[in-house]
Protein backbone atom coordinates (compact mmCIF):
# COMPACT_ATOMS: atom_id res chain seq x y z
CA MET A 1 -52.08 60.90 -29.10
CA ASN A 2 -52.01 58.22 -26.30
CA SER A 3 -49.44 55.88 -26.27
CA ARG A 4 -51.98 53.51 -27.84
CA GLY A 5 -52.00 55.74 -30.86
CA ASN A 6 -55.94 57.24 -30.33
CA PRO A 7 -57.33 60.71 -29.80
CA THR A 8 -56.40 62.28 -26.64
CA SER A 9 -59.49 63.70 -24.67
CA PHE A 10 -58.20 67.33 -26.31
CA GLU A 11 -58.25 65.96 -29.62
CA SER A 12 -61.93 64.69 -28.78
CA LEU A 13 -63.35 68.36 -28.78
CA ALA A 14 -62.19 68.94 -31.95
CA HIS A 15 -65.03 66.37 -33.34
CA SER A 16 -67.62 66.89 -30.45
CA ARG A 17 -71.10 67.73 -31.41
CA LEU A 18 -73.01 71.01 -29.83
CA GLU A 19 -76.57 70.81 -28.48
CA LEU A 20 -78.67 73.45 -29.54
CA VAL A 21 -82.39 74.52 -29.31
CA PRO A 22 -84.84 74.85 -31.35
CA VAL A 23 -86.23 78.45 -30.78
CA GLU A 24 -85.68 81.81 -32.37
CA GLY A 25 -82.54 83.16 -31.94
CA VAL A 26 -80.55 80.10 -32.31
CA GLU A 27 -79.10 80.64 -35.92
CA GLU A 28 -77.42 83.71 -34.92
CA GLN A 29 -75.87 81.67 -32.10
CA ALA A 30 -74.90 78.54 -34.60
CA ASP A 31 -73.06 80.98 -36.62
CA HIS A 32 -70.71 81.06 -33.96
CA LEU A 33 -69.77 77.60 -34.89
CA PRO A 34 -67.26 76.18 -38.10
CA ARG A 35 -68.82 75.54 -41.20
CA GLY A 36 -69.06 71.65 -41.45
CA THR A 37 -69.78 71.88 -37.46
CA LYS A 38 -71.75 68.77 -35.80
CA VAL A 39 -74.62 69.57 -33.95
CA ALA A 40 -77.02 67.94 -32.37
CA LEU A 41 -80.78 69.59 -32.15
CA THR A 42 -82.96 69.38 -29.38
CA CYS A 43 -87.15 68.28 -30.14
CA LEU A 44 -89.65 70.39 -27.46
CA SER A 45 -92.90 70.40 -27.00
CA ARG A 46 -93.85 72.60 -29.89
CA GLY A 47 -92.79 68.95 -32.10
CA ILE A 48 -91.35 67.49 -34.70
CA GLU A 49 -92.57 69.74 -37.15
CA ASN A 50 -90.40 72.55 -34.60
CA SER A 51 -87.73 70.44 -35.28
CA LEU A 52 -87.86 69.63 -39.19
CA ARG A 53 -87.89 73.17 -39.57
CA PHE A 54 -84.92 74.09 -37.87
CA THR A 55 -82.90 71.29 -39.13
CA GLU A 56 -83.24 73.00 -42.96
CA ARG A 57 -82.53 76.22 -41.70
CA LEU A 58 -79.29 75.30 -39.70
CA LYS A 59 -77.97 73.07 -42.94
CA ARG A 60 -78.35 76.12 -45.03
CA ARG A 61 -76.20 77.36 -42.73
CA GLY A 62 -73.66 74.62 -43.68
CA LEU A 63 -74.23 73.02 -40.25
CA ARG A 64 -74.15 68.85 -40.12
CA VAL A 65 -77.69 68.89 -38.82
CA VAL A 66 -78.29 65.33 -36.41
CA PRO A 67 -81.91 66.00 -35.14
CA HIS A 68 -83.70 64.29 -32.40
CA VAL A 69 -87.29 62.66 -32.80
CA PRO A 70 -88.80 61.60 -29.59
CA ALA A 71 -90.72 58.42 -30.29
CA ARG A 72 -93.48 59.14 -28.14
CA LEU A 73 -94.70 62.79 -29.92
CA VAL A 74 -94.39 60.33 -33.71
CA ALA A 75 -98.32 60.29 -34.27
CA GLY A 76 -97.99 56.68 -36.20
CA GLU A 77 -96.54 55.05 -38.96
CA ALA A 78 -97.47 57.25 -41.97
CA HIS A 79 -95.64 59.83 -39.53
CA LEU A 80 -92.89 58.27 -39.30
CA GLU A 81 -92.84 57.29 -43.74
CA GLU A 82 -92.84 60.98 -43.83
CA ILE A 83 -90.43 62.46 -41.18
CA VAL A 84 -87.88 59.51 -42.53
CA TRP A 85 -88.51 60.91 -46.27
CA ARG A 86 -87.94 65.15 -45.20
CA LEU A 87 -85.11 64.08 -43.27
CA ASP A 88 -83.87 62.35 -46.23
CA GLU A 89 -84.52 65.66 -48.54
CA LEU A 90 -82.12 67.32 -46.73
CA ASP A 91 -79.43 64.77 -46.84
CA VAL A 92 -79.36 64.00 -43.19
CA LYS A 93 -77.51 60.84 -41.90
CA GLU A 94 -77.50 60.65 -38.87
CA LEU A 95 -80.54 61.04 -36.28
CA PHE A 96 -80.53 60.74 -32.53
CA VAL A 97 -84.19 58.40 -31.23
CA ILE A 98 -85.56 58.78 -27.62
CA GLY A 99 -88.52 57.79 -25.80
CA GLY A 100 -89.76 61.87 -24.91
CA ASP A 101 -91.75 63.69 -21.67
CA ALA A 102 -94.86 63.36 -23.57
CA LYS A 103 -97.24 62.31 -20.74
CA LYS A 104 -99.53 60.65 -23.31
CA PRO A 105 -98.38 58.88 -26.47
CA ALA A 106 -99.13 60.32 -30.00
CA GLY A 107 -99.54 57.18 -31.67
CA PRO A 108 -98.60 54.25 -31.26
CA PHE A 109 -94.54 54.55 -29.83
CA SER A 110 -94.15 54.33 -26.41
CA GLY A 111 -90.97 54.00 -26.06
CA ALA A 112 -87.41 55.13 -28.03
CA LEU A 113 -87.08 50.55 -28.93
CA ASP A 114 -91.05 51.02 -30.71
CA LEU A 115 -89.85 53.69 -33.01
CA LEU A 116 -86.40 52.01 -33.82
CA SER A 117 -88.31 48.54 -34.84
CA ALA A 118 -90.24 50.90 -37.61
CA MET A 119 -87.60 52.13 -38.89
CA ALA A 120 -85.88 48.74 -39.38
CA ASP A 121 -88.82 47.50 -41.30
CA GLN A 122 -90.14 50.93 -43.09
CA GLY A 123 -86.26 50.64 -44.09
CA HIS A 124 -84.09 53.71 -44.28
CA ASN A 125 -80.70 56.00 -45.42
CA PHE A 126 -78.97 57.05 -42.03
CA GLU A 127 -75.86 56.27 -40.97
CA HIS A 128 -75.99 56.16 -37.81
CA ILE A 129 -78.36 56.19 -35.04
CA GLY A 130 -78.36 57.23 -31.80
CA ILE A 131 -79.69 56.57 -28.78
CA GLY A 132 -79.24 57.67 -24.54
CA GLY A 133 -78.32 56.65 -21.61
CA TYR A 134 -78.33 57.79 -18.08
CA PRO A 135 -75.02 57.88 -15.76
CA GLU A 136 -76.89 58.84 -12.69
CA GLY A 137 -79.83 56.59 -13.62
CA HIS A 138 -83.65 58.08 -14.74
CA PRO A 139 -85.38 59.96 -12.12
CA ALA A 140 -88.94 57.54 -13.68
CA ILE A 141 -87.23 54.38 -14.47
CA GLY A 142 -85.64 51.71 -12.84
CA ASP A 143 -81.72 50.41 -13.60
CA GLU A 144 -82.50 47.20 -14.61
CA ALA A 145 -85.34 48.76 -17.50
CA LEU A 146 -82.54 51.18 -18.37
CA LEU A 147 -79.58 48.53 -18.68
CA GLN A 148 -81.94 46.36 -21.10
CA ALA A 149 -83.45 49.02 -22.75
CA LEU A 150 -79.90 48.94 -24.00
CA LEU A 151 -79.45 45.93 -25.03
CA ASP A 152 -82.57 45.57 -26.46
CA LYS A 153 -82.59 49.18 -28.49
CA GLN A 154 -78.55 48.03 -29.26
CA PRO A 155 -79.64 46.15 -32.83
CA PHE A 156 -80.71 49.07 -34.39
CA ALA A 157 -78.27 52.10 -33.16
CA THR A 158 -74.15 52.66 -34.13
CA TYR A 159 -73.75 54.98 -30.65
CA ILE A 160 -74.58 56.17 -27.31
CA VAL A 161 -74.68 59.88 -25.84
CA SER A 162 -75.11 60.31 -22.33
CA GLN A 163 -77.51 62.42 -20.18
CA MET A 164 -75.70 65.13 -19.00
CA CYS A 165 -73.00 64.45 -16.09
CA PHE A 166 -70.40 66.23 -13.90
CA ASP A 167 -69.29 63.45 -12.41
CA PRO A 168 -66.50 62.12 -14.12
CA LYS A 169 -66.14 59.01 -11.77
CA ALA A 170 -70.09 58.56 -12.18
CA ILE A 171 -69.61 58.68 -16.46
CA THR A 172 -67.00 55.93 -16.09
CA ASP A 173 -68.22 53.52 -13.82
CA TRP A 174 -71.44 53.39 -15.37
CA ILE A 175 -69.65 52.61 -18.95
CA ALA A 176 -68.00 49.76 -17.01
CA GLY A 177 -71.22 48.21 -15.53
CA ILE A 178 -73.12 48.33 -19.08
CA ARG A 179 -70.23 46.78 -20.70
CA ARG A 180 -69.37 44.01 -18.07
CA GLN A 181 -73.74 43.68 -19.25
CA GLY A 182 -72.91 43.10 -22.95
CA VAL A 183 -73.84 46.78 -23.94
CA TRP A 184 -71.21 47.72 -26.40
CA LEU A 185 -71.82 50.65 -28.73
CA PRO A 186 -69.75 53.82 -28.33
CA VAL A 187 -70.52 56.08 -26.37
CA VAL A 188 -70.46 60.10 -26.98
CA VAL A 189 -70.28 61.61 -23.54
CA GLY A 190 -72.50 64.53 -22.02
CA ILE A 191 -71.02 67.16 -20.96
CA PRO A 192 -72.59 70.90 -19.60
CA GLY A 193 -70.80 73.40 -22.35
CA VAL A 194 -69.34 76.58 -20.63
CA VAL A 195 -73.54 77.81 -19.42
CA ASP A 196 -74.22 80.33 -16.02
CA LYS A 197 -73.74 78.46 -13.09
CA LYS A 198 -77.07 79.06 -11.94
CA ARG A 199 -79.12 77.83 -15.46
CA LEU A 200 -77.27 75.36 -15.25
CA PHE A 201 -77.92 73.96 -11.27
CA GLN A 202 -81.97 74.98 -12.72
CA ILE A 203 -81.70 72.88 -15.11
CA SER A 204 -79.57 69.81 -13.64
CA ARG A 205 -82.61 69.81 -10.85
CA LYS A 206 -85.28 69.37 -13.33
CA ILE A 207 -83.58 66.69 -16.27
CA GLY A 208 -83.00 64.52 -12.54
CA VAL A 209 -79.79 64.75 -12.18
CA GLY A 210 -79.16 65.26 -9.13
CA ASP A 211 -75.69 63.71 -7.85
CA SER A 212 -73.78 65.60 -10.42
CA ALA A 213 -75.24 68.44 -9.84
CA ARG A 214 -74.26 68.21 -5.60
CA PHE A 215 -70.84 67.20 -6.58
CA LEU A 216 -70.36 69.77 -9.20
CA ARG A 217 -71.05 71.96 -6.13
CA LYS A 218 -69.04 70.99 -4.35
CA HIS A 219 -66.26 70.51 -6.96
CA VAL A 220 -66.80 74.18 -8.12
CA GLY A 221 -64.15 75.51 -6.57
CA LEU A 222 -61.18 73.29 -7.92
CA MET A 223 -61.73 74.30 -11.52
CA GLY A 224 -59.29 77.02 -11.55
CA GLY A 225 -58.92 79.96 -12.53
CA LEU A 226 -58.99 80.10 -16.73
CA ILE A 227 -62.52 80.08 -17.18
CA ALA A 228 -63.39 82.59 -14.00
CA ASN A 229 -60.89 84.48 -16.60
CA LEU A 230 -62.34 83.44 -19.76
CA PHE A 231 -65.82 83.63 -19.08
CA GLY A 232 -66.19 85.19 -15.33
CA SER A 233 -66.65 84.12 -12.22
CA SER A 234 -70.95 83.28 -12.38
CA GLY A 235 -69.47 80.68 -15.76
CA TYR A 236 -69.37 76.73 -15.69
CA GLY A 237 -66.63 75.59 -18.19
CA PRO A 238 -65.93 71.54 -18.44
CA ASP A 239 -62.48 72.03 -18.69
CA SER A 240 -61.55 69.63 -15.50
CA LEU A 241 -64.23 67.15 -16.61
CA VAL A 242 -62.19 66.59 -19.58
CA GLU A 243 -59.61 66.29 -18.17
CA GLU A 244 -60.12 63.95 -15.66
CA LEU A 245 -62.03 61.66 -18.64
CA SER A 246 -58.24 62.62 -20.90
CA PRO A 247 -57.40 58.85 -19.71
CA TYR A 248 -60.52 56.49 -21.26
CA ILE A 249 -60.16 58.45 -24.38
CA GLY A 250 -58.74 55.37 -26.82
CA ASP A 251 -59.10 52.73 -24.26
CA GLN A 252 -60.67 50.31 -25.68
CA GLY A 253 -62.16 48.33 -22.63
CA TYR A 254 -64.55 52.17 -22.45
CA ASN A 255 -65.00 52.93 -26.57
CA ILE A 256 -65.77 56.28 -25.84
CA VAL A 257 -65.49 58.72 -28.93
CA GLY A 258 -66.18 61.93 -28.04
CA TYR A 259 -68.10 64.39 -26.60
CA HIS A 260 -71.38 65.78 -26.90
CA ILE A 261 -71.42 68.92 -25.17
CA TYR A 262 -75.08 70.70 -23.49
CA THR A 263 -75.05 74.52 -24.68
CA PHE A 264 -78.58 75.35 -23.62
CA ASN A 265 -77.89 77.42 -26.64
CA GLN A 266 -74.91 79.93 -25.01
CA VAL A 267 -72.74 79.08 -28.23
CA GLU A 268 -70.11 81.68 -28.56
CA SER A 269 -68.85 81.27 -25.00
CA THR A 270 -69.37 77.07 -24.88
CA GLU A 271 -67.29 77.85 -28.22
CA ARG A 272 -64.62 79.73 -27.26
CA TRP A 273 -63.51 77.73 -24.31
CA ARG A 274 -63.27 74.41 -27.05
CA GLU A 275 -61.42 76.89 -28.83
CA ARG A 276 -59.16 77.99 -26.12
CA MET A 277 -58.84 73.73 -25.18
CA LEU A 278 -57.53 72.82 -28.39
CA ASP A 279 -54.94 75.93 -28.77
CA LEU A 280 -53.60 74.75 -25.36
CA ASP A 281 -53.81 70.94 -26.67
CA GLU A 282 -51.57 71.78 -29.39
CA GLU A 283 -49.05 73.74 -27.25
CA ARG A 284 -48.79 71.33 -24.87
CA ILE A 285 -48.06 68.64 -27.39
CA LYS A 286 -45.44 71.25 -28.83
CA ARG A 287 -43.86 71.31 -26.36
CA ASN A 288 -43.86 67.11 -25.58
CA LYS A 289 -42.24 67.33 -28.84
CA VAL A 290 -39.37 69.86 -28.24
CA THR A 291 -38.36 67.94 -24.19
CA GLN A 292 -37.99 64.33 -27.41
CA ARG A 293 -35.33 66.13 -28.31
């Protein structure tokens, strides 16, 4: 705990969520996670039906699944009602709503706000609903429009998940900026897991994380030997990023409540990293207690 009695950055890792991609083999990867772990499940071009099917399969493995529902893949009010009903039948209590990347909407919902509004009108039993935020902007949407979207969606949501980012200052500056503009939803900070560096740079370019990827390339030598020793020199691990975000965890002005870890289905290495970081924090707490005696 920090001086205010709030969780430290490392303690927040114990309650973080890991993002998985719904493709064959993901269940075997998920077996590396303890039962009860919260996992976010993306929705690919294979569609919502594919995500619903994998939601059920991962729920059977004892995981708490948070499915992504892209508005532009929902065909209409009836389709939305069916999605909500099926998730209710699976006892899913949490949902993440995004606009989606489909060039042409499958129905009347052009963005997340449209879908959130329709869900509110229909009624639902979700206890928590997440929406997306972009510390480094969006390649197709201006900053003013992104801010207005957060303000408009805020009444329908309970938290924000930030896009993957490697630069702690970009993250904290963005959070401070949206707070000044009246966005007070708790933020779950999106960080990469322990992933092959080459693959991570490729994904970063694809999703438009440009400045952050350049930051990582410039500072990759500062991550220390821990990750190299544990996972090999070709792997990236976010220990340095978590360290630098640590002072902001528990600060009510920032209201950061945890981490959303983008694993790209490299779950085993990411979970080993998370367990290792928690062990190091436990050792640190024990040393502090001895020192204070």
